[in-house]
C-alpha atoms as a PDB file:
ATOM      1  CA  MET A   1     130.752  -7.098 -12.729  1.00  0.00           C
ATOM      2  CA  LYS A   2     134.535  -7.219 -12.395  1.00  0.00           C
ATOM      3  CA  VAL A   3     136.637  -4.247 -13.560  1.00  0.00           C
ATOM      4  CA  LEU A   4     139.375  -5.432 -15.861  1.00  0.00           C
ATOM      5  CA  ALA A   5     141.090  -2.114 -16.617  1.00  0.00           C
ATOM      6  CA  ARG A   6     140.687   1.580 -15.989  1.00  0.00           C
ATOM      7  CA  ILE A   7     141.480   4.313 -18.486  1.00  0.00           C
ATOM      8  CA  PRO A   8     143.104   7.312 -16.791  1.00  0.00           C
ATOM      9  CA  ALA A   9     141.565  10.750 -17.279  1.00  0.00           C
ATOM     10  CA  LEU A  10     143.527  12.788 -19.813  1.00  0.00           C
ATOM     11  CA  ASP A  11     144.521  16.374 -19.236  1.00  0.00           C
ATOM     12  CA  ALA A  12     143.245  18.800 -21.892  1.00  0.00           C
ATOM     13  CA  ALA A  13     146.756  20.275 -22.305  1.00  0.00           C
ATOM     14  CA  ALA A  14     148.217  16.837 -23.029  1.00  0.00           C
ATOM     15  CA  ILE A  15     145.809  16.246 -25.905  1.00  0.00           C
ATOM     16  CA  THR A  16     147.138  19.040 -28.139  1.00  0.00           C
ATOM     17  CA  ILE A  17     148.191  17.910 -31.555  1.00  0.00           C
ATOM     18  CA  ALA A  18     151.669  18.797 -32.821  1.00  0.00           C
ATOM     19  CA  GLY A  19     151.440  21.754 -35.179  1.00  0.00           C
ATOM     20  CA  ASP A  20     147.987  22.792 -33.941  1.00  0.00           C
ATOM     21  CA  THR A  21     147.885  26.599 -34.119  1.00  0.00           C
ATOM     22  CA  GLU A  22     144.154  26.917 -33.474  1.00  0.00           C
ATOM     23  CA  ALA A  23     144.392  26.033 -29.767  1.00  0.00           C
ATOM     24  CA  PRO A  24     143.882  28.932 -27.326  1.00  0.00           C
ATOM     25  CA  ALA A  25     146.996  30.431 -25.774  1.00  0.00           C
ATOM     26  CA  GLY A  26     146.213  29.035 -22.312  1.00  0.00           C
ATOM     27  CA  GLU A  27     146.000  25.474 -23.588  1.00  0.00           C
ATOM     28  CA  ARG A  28     149.158  25.697 -25.692  1.00  0.00           C
ATOM     29  CA  GLY A  29     151.325  26.714 -22.773  1.00  0.00           C
ATOM     30  CA  ASP A  30     152.390  29.947 -24.502  1.00  0.00           C
ATOM     31  CA  SER A  31     151.555  32.143 -21.538  1.00  0.00           C
ATOM     32  CA  PRO A  32     154.609  33.657 -19.850  1.00  0.00           C
ATOM     33  CA  GLY A  33     154.100  31.930 -16.482  1.00  0.00           C
ATOM     34  CA  ALA A  34     153.017  28.530 -17.808  1.00  0.00           C
ATOM     35  CA  ALA A  35     155.221  25.472 -17.595  1.00  0.00           C
ATOM     36  CA  PRO A  36     156.092  23.783 -20.898  1.00  0.00           C
ATOM     37  CA  GLY A  37     153.656  21.037 -21.813  1.00  0.00           C
ATOM     38  CA  PRO A  38     154.540  17.520 -22.843  1.00  0.00           C
ATOM     39  CA  GLN A  39     156.185  17.149 -26.219  1.00  0.00           C
ATOM     40  CA  LEU A  40     154.371  14.902 -28.627  1.00  0.00           C
ATOM     41  CA  ALA A  41     156.293  12.681 -30.983  1.00  0.00           C
ATOM     42  CA  THR A  42     155.660  13.160 -34.670  1.00  0.00           C
ATOM     43  CA  VAL A  43     155.070  10.085 -36.755  1.00  0.00           C
ATOM     44  CA  GLU A  44     155.763  10.021 -40.459  1.00  0.00           C
ATOM     45  CA  LEU A  45     153.436   7.833 -42.416  1.00  0.00           C
ATOM     46  CA  ARG A  46     154.929   6.046 -45.352  1.00  0.00           C
ATOM     47  CA  PRO A  47     152.718   4.827 -48.148  1.00  0.00           C
ATOM     48  CA  ARG A  48     151.886   1.195 -47.746  1.00  0.00           C
ATOM     49  CA  VAL A  49     153.689  -0.942 -50.301  1.00  0.00           C
ATOM     50  CA  ARG A  50     151.613  -3.883 -51.331  1.00  0.00           C
ATOM     51  CA  THR A  51     153.621  -6.945 -52.086  1.00  0.00           C
ATOM     52  CA  ARG A  52     152.089  -9.834 -53.908  1.00  0.00           C
ATOM     53  CA  ARG A  53     151.856 -12.842 -51.667  1.00  0.00           C
ATOM     54  CA  PRO A  54     152.506 -16.163 -53.315  1.00  0.00           C
ATOM     55  CA  ARG A  55     149.307 -18.156 -53.554  1.00  0.00           C
ATOM     56  CA  SER A  56     149.199 -21.149 -51.341  1.00  0.00           C
ATOM     57  CA  ARG A  57     148.625 -24.411 -53.141  1.00  0.00           C
ATOM     58  CA  PHE A  58     145.589 -26.603 -52.585  1.00  0.00           C
ATOM     59  CA  PRO A  59     146.306 -28.942 -49.641  1.00  0.00           C
ATOM     60  CA  SER A  60     145.861 -32.111 -51.680  1.00  0.00           C
ATOM     61  CA  VAL A  61     147.934 -34.288 -49.330  1.00  0.00           C
ATOM     62  CA  SER A  62     145.776 -33.350 -46.347  1.00  0.00           C
ATOM     63  CA  VAL A  63     142.580 -33.877 -48.307  1.00  0.00           C
ATOM     64  CA  ALA A  64     143.791 -37.272 -49.531  1.00  0.00           C
ATOM     65  CA  ALA A  65     144.743 -38.312 -45.973  1.00  0.00           C
ATOM     66  CA  LEU A  66     141.323 -37.266 -44.653  1.00  0.00           C
ATOM     67  CA  ALA A  67     139.576 -39.124 -47.498  1.00  0.00           C
ATOM     68  CA  LEU A  68     141.586 -42.263 -46.716  1.00  0.00           C
ATOM     69  CA  LEU A  69     140.743 -41.961 -43.019  1.00  0.00           C
ATOM     70  CA  ALA A  70     137.053 -41.534 -43.856  1.00  0.00           C
ATOM     71  CA  ALA A  71     137.140 -44.594 -46.145  1.00  0.00           C
ATOM     72  CA  VAL A  72     138.746 -46.725 -43.409  1.00  0.00           C
ATOM     73  CA  ALA A  73     136.207 -45.535 -40.822  1.00  0.00           C
ATOM     74  CA  TRP A  74     133.336 -46.213 -43.243  1.00  0.00           C
ATOM     75  CA  SER A  75     134.566 -49.736 -44.013  1.00  0.00           C
ATOM     76  CA  LEU A  76     135.041 -50.558 -40.308  1.00  0.00           C
ATOM     77  CA  ALA A  77     131.549 -49.303 -39.511  1.00  0.00           C
ATOM     78  CA  SER A  78     130.112 -51.313 -42.401  1.00  0.00           C
ATOM     79  CA  TRP A  79     131.950 -54.466 -41.284  1.00  0.00           C
ATOM     80  CA  ASN A  80     130.769 -53.991 -37.689  1.00  0.00           C
ATOM     81  CA  ASP A  81     127.166 -53.519 -38.852  1.00  0.00           C
ATOM     82  CA  ALA A  82     127.313 -56.700 -40.969  1.00  0.00           C
ATOM     83  CA  HIS A  83     128.912 -58.648 -38.100  1.00  0.00           C
ATOM     84  CA  ARG A  84     126.239 -57.439 -35.655  1.00  0.00           C
ATOM     85  CA  ALA A  85     123.452 -58.331 -38.105  1.00  0.00           C
ATOM     86  CA  GLU A  86     124.866 -61.847 -38.549  1.00  0.00           C
ATOM     87  CA  ARG A  87     125.043 -62.386 -34.777  1.00  0.00           C
ATOM     88  CA  SER A  88     121.503 -61.130 -34.419  1.00  0.00           C
ATOM     89  CA  ARG A  89     120.313 -63.497 -37.160  1.00  0.00           C
ATOM     90  CA  VAL A  90     121.992 -66.492 -35.488  1.00  0.00           C
ATOM     91  CA  GLU A  91     120.460 -65.621 -32.108  1.00  0.00           C
ATOM     92  CA  ARG A  92     117.029 -65.195 -33.686  1.00  0.00           C
ATOM     93  CA  LEU A  93     117.284 -68.605 -35.419  1.00  0.00           C
ATOM     94  CA  ALA A  94     118.351 -70.225 -32.133  1.00  0.00           C
ATOM     95  CA  ARG A  95     115.318 -68.769 -30.365  1.00  0.00           C
ATOM     96  CA  MET A  96     112.972 -70.019 -33.093  1.00  0.00           C
ATOM     97  CA  GLN A  97     114.000 -73.695 -32.905  1.00  0.00           C
ATOM     98  CA  PRO A  98     111.857 -75.758 -30.588  1.00  0.00           C
ATOM     99  CA  VAL A  99     113.472 -77.103 -27.475  1.00  0.00           C
ATOM    100  CA  ALA A 100     113.413 -80.906 -27.470  1.00  0.00           C
ATOM    101  CA  ALA A 101     112.070 -82.716 -24.439  1.00  0.00           C
ATOM    102  CA  PRO A 102     114.759 -84.616 -22.468  1.00  0.00           C
ATOM    103  CA  GLU A 103     113.018 -87.983 -22.984  1.00  0.00           C
ATOM    104  CA  THR A 104     113.145 -87.697 -26.779  1.00  0.00           C
ATOM    105  CA  ILE A 105     116.949 -87.450 -26.888  1.00  0.00           C
ATOM    106  CA  SER A 106     118.406 -90.858 -27.685  1.00  0.00           C
ATOM    107  CA  ARG A 107     121.531 -92.091 -26.096  1.00  0.00           C
END
């Protein structure tokens, strides 16, 4: 199996949440000899404003074009079927007629 991506391991100190006062002192970086940890950005969430989208109209032009295309295809298929049946009938009639002997043909 081919590896598409790898997720890097996260440091426990980098996962602290801004404003989290329950974290132990060693993880918060409050100890006197500890280096300051990464600062996390705070994100303010605004309430989502729902706007009413205008309703899209029924695509009557597309439906009419598809119906017209279907009607043309149906009529062409029907014409081809009738034409093929007529050719088949003519060939069948030609096979049914007896072949005349060459001496019976008058000049």
